[in-house]
């Protein structure tokens, strides 16, 4: 593993932990040259094809989900660790499916569900892009549904 600070090739593992889902291994490393520490994550890579709205197929890309969640959660009280955990749950769900091809709409629904649990404002931000509201009324309906759920819960 190459040190991200000085590019030295030799590092040592100081600490290793499995996440709750046992699907990600977190390693704390230390560079043997500059002695700075950094964290790496090892996760199972899934061989999944995403079917886009227009019928194109592309490889599943975890970073696309992360970028969408980062935009939705910008300036919101949601930590990167919470987002990573949500993405891990999404990947686990996708891995458990029988097919290795999945429609992008299914991924969008999974992301929406996780964001709704984390932060309602982030959920609305994501939904406004993902659901492509036709007008302000459909946007207001979505917000009203959230308000109703909050009042009941």
Protein backbone atom coordinates (compact mmCIF):
# COMPACT_ATOMS: atom_id res chain seq x y z
CA UNK A 1 0.00 0.00 0.00
CA UNK A 2 1.43 3.35 -1.03
CA UNK A 3 1.43 6.20 1.51
CA UNK A 4 -0.91 9.01 0.36
CA UNK A 5 1.38 11.60 1.97
CA UNK A 6 4.89 10.71 0.82
CA UNK A 7 4.23 7.90 -1.73
CA UNK A 8 6.49 5.49 0.14
CA UNK A 9 5.68 1.88 -0.74
CA UNK A 10 5.94 0.36 2.74
CA UNK A 11 3.24 0.70 5.38
CA UNK A 12 2.16 -1.36 8.34
CA UNK A 13 -1.35 -2.15 9.57
CA UNK A 14 -1.83 -0.67 13.04
CA UNK A 15 -5.47 -1.70 13.54
CA UNK A 16 -8.00 -3.79 11.62
CA UNK A 17 -11.76 -3.83 12.16
CA UNK A 18 -14.71 -5.42 10.43
CA UNK A 19 -17.81 -3.28 10.06
CA UNK A 20 -21.12 -4.37 11.56
CA UNK A 21 -22.21 -5.84 8.24
CA UNK A 22 -18.91 -7.77 7.92
CA UNK A 23 -18.77 -6.62 4.30
CA UNK A 24 -16.13 -3.94 4.79
CA UNK A 25 -12.75 -4.21 6.48
CA UNK A 26 -11.31 -0.98 7.88
CA UNK A 27 -7.54 -0.83 8.26
CA UNK A 28 -5.58 1.86 10.05
CA UNK A 29 -2.13 2.06 8.47
CA UNK A 30 1.10 3.85 9.25
CA UNK A 31 3.79 4.80 6.76
CA UNK A 32 7.19 3.36 7.68
CA UNK A 33 8.94 6.44 6.26
CA UNK A 34 6.97 9.56 7.30
CA UNK A 35 5.06 7.80 10.14
CA UNK A 36 1.75 9.43 9.19
CA UNK A 37 -1.40 7.38 9.61
CA UNK A 38 -4.28 6.85 7.21
CA UNK A 39 -7.30 4.59 6.86
CA UNK A 40 -8.12 2.19 4.04
CA UNK A 41 -11.32 0.26 3.42
CA UNK A 42 -11.53 -3.11 1.74
CA UNK A 43 -14.92 -4.10 0.38
CA UNK A 44 -16.29 -6.75 -1.90
CA UNK A 45 -16.70 -5.44 -5.43
CA UNK A 46 -19.95 -6.49 -7.00
CA UNK A 47 -20.19 -7.31 -10.67
CA UNK A 48 -23.48 -5.63 -11.40
CA UNK A 49 -24.82 -3.96 -14.54
CA UNK A 50 -27.11 -0.96 -14.25
CA UNK A 51 -29.84 -0.51 -16.84
CA UNK A 52 -30.33 3.20 -17.41
CA UNK A 53 -33.68 4.84 -18.30
CA UNK A 54 -32.70 4.98 -21.99
CA UNK A 55 -31.80 1.26 -22.04
CA UNK A 56 -28.01 1.67 -21.93
CA UNK A 57 -26.12 -0.61 -19.59
CA UNK A 58 -23.12 0.35 -17.51
CA UNK A 59 -21.15 -1.11 -14.64
CA UNK A 60 -22.35 -0.41 -11.12
CA UNK A 61 -20.39 2.46 -9.60
CA UNK A 62 -20.55 3.00 -5.83
CA UNK A 63 -19.04 6.46 -6.25
CA UNK A 64 -22.07 7.67 -8.23
CA UNK A 65 -24.31 6.83 -5.28
CA UNK A 66 -21.88 8.48 -2.89
CA UNK A 67 -21.68 11.65 -4.99
CA UNK A 68 -25.48 11.89 -5.19
CA UNK A 69 -25.76 11.46 -1.44
CA UNK A 70 -23.01 13.99 -0.79
CA UNK A 71 -24.87 16.59 -2.87
CA UNK A 72 -28.15 15.84 -1.13
CA UNK A 73 -26.56 15.98 2.33
CA UNK A 74 -24.52 19.12 1.72
CA UNK A 75 -24.70 21.41 4.79
CA UNK A 76 -26.86 18.84 6.59
CA UNK A 77 -26.00 17.06 9.87
CA UNK A 78 -25.18 13.76 8.16
CA UNK A 79 -21.71 12.34 8.61
CA UNK A 80 -19.66 10.61 5.94
CA UNK A 81 -19.74 7.48 8.11
CA UNK A 82 -23.55 7.50 8.07
CA UNK A 83 -23.55 7.86 4.29
CA UNK A 84 -21.00 5.04 3.88
CA UNK A 85 -23.10 2.81 6.11
CA UNK A 86 -26.21 3.57 4.03
CA UNK A 87 -24.32 2.81 0.82
CA UNK A 88 -23.10 -0.47 2.34
CA UNK A 89 -26.75 -1.40 3.04
CA UNK A 90 -27.70 -0.53 -0.54
CA UNK A 91 -24.85 -2.64 -1.93
CA UNK A 92 -25.79 -5.52 0.34
CA UNK A 93 -29.38 -5.38 -0.91
CA UNK A 94 -28.19 -5.33 -4.52
CA UNK A 95 -25.80 -8.21 -3.91
CA UNK A 96 -28.66 -10.28 -2.53
CA UNK A 97 -30.70 -9.98 -5.72
CA UNK A 98 -30.95 -12.93 -8.09
CA UNK A 99 -30.11 -10.92 -11.21
CA UNK A 100 -26.81 -9.23 -11.96
CA UNK A 101 -28.67 -6.50 -13.90
CA UNK A 102 -30.70 -3.88 -12.11
CA UNK A 103 -32.67 -0.86 -13.27
CA UNK A 104 -31.34 2.51 -12.16
CA UNK A 105 -34.82 3.29 -10.79
CA UNK A 106 -34.44 0.49 -8.24
CA UNK A 107 -31.12 1.94 -7.07
CA UNK A 108 -32.74 5.38 -6.87
CA UNK A 109 -35.51 3.99 -4.66
CA UNK A 110 -32.97 2.32 -2.36
CA UNK A 111 -31.01 5.57 -2.06
CA UNK A 112 -34.22 7.50 -1.39
CA UNK A 113 -35.21 5.07 1.35
CA UNK A 114 -31.84 5.37 3.08
CA UNK A 115 -31.78 9.17 2.80
CA UNK A 116 -35.29 9.38 4.22
CA UNK A 117 -34.00 7.58 7.35
CA UNK A 118 -30.94 9.84 7.63
CA UNK A 119 -32.31 13.31 6.93
CA UNK A 120 -35.66 14.44 5.51
CA UNK A 121 -34.23 17.56 3.84
CA UNK A 122 -31.52 15.52 2.14
CA UNK A 123 -34.22 13.09 1.02
CA UNK A 124 -36.27 15.92 -0.54
CA UNK A 125 -33.17 17.28 -2.27
CA UNK A 126 -32.41 13.87 -3.74
CA UNK A 127 -36.05 13.21 -4.64
CA UNK A 128 -36.34 16.55 -6.43
CA UNK A 129 -33.70 15.36 -8.89
CA UNK A 130 -34.42 11.62 -8.88
CA UNK A 131 -38.20 11.86 -9.19
CA UNK A 132 -37.92 14.74 -11.66
CA UNK A 133 -40.98 16.57 -10.35
CA UNK A 134 -43.05 17.94 -13.23
CA UNK A 135 -44.24 21.00 -11.29
CA UNK A 136 -44.29 22.65 -7.88
CA UNK A 137 -47.50 20.81 -6.95
CA UNK A 138 -45.86 17.38 -7.21
CA UNK A 139 -42.94 18.67 -5.14
CA UNK A 140 -45.37 20.02 -2.52
CA UNK A 141 -47.22 16.68 -2.44
CA UNK A 142 -43.98 14.86 -1.63
CA UNK A 143 -43.19 17.31 1.17
CA UNK A 144 -46.75 16.98 2.51
CA UNK A 145 -46.45 13.18 2.57
CA UNK A 146 -43.24 13.52 4.61
CA UNK A 147 -44.95 15.90 7.04
CA UNK A 148 -47.81 13.44 7.50
CA UNK A 149 -45.42 10.57 8.23
CA UNK A 150 -43.51 12.74 10.74
CA UNK A 151 -46.73 13.65 12.57
CA UNK A 152 -47.75 9.99 12.83
CA UNK A 153 -44.28 8.79 13.85
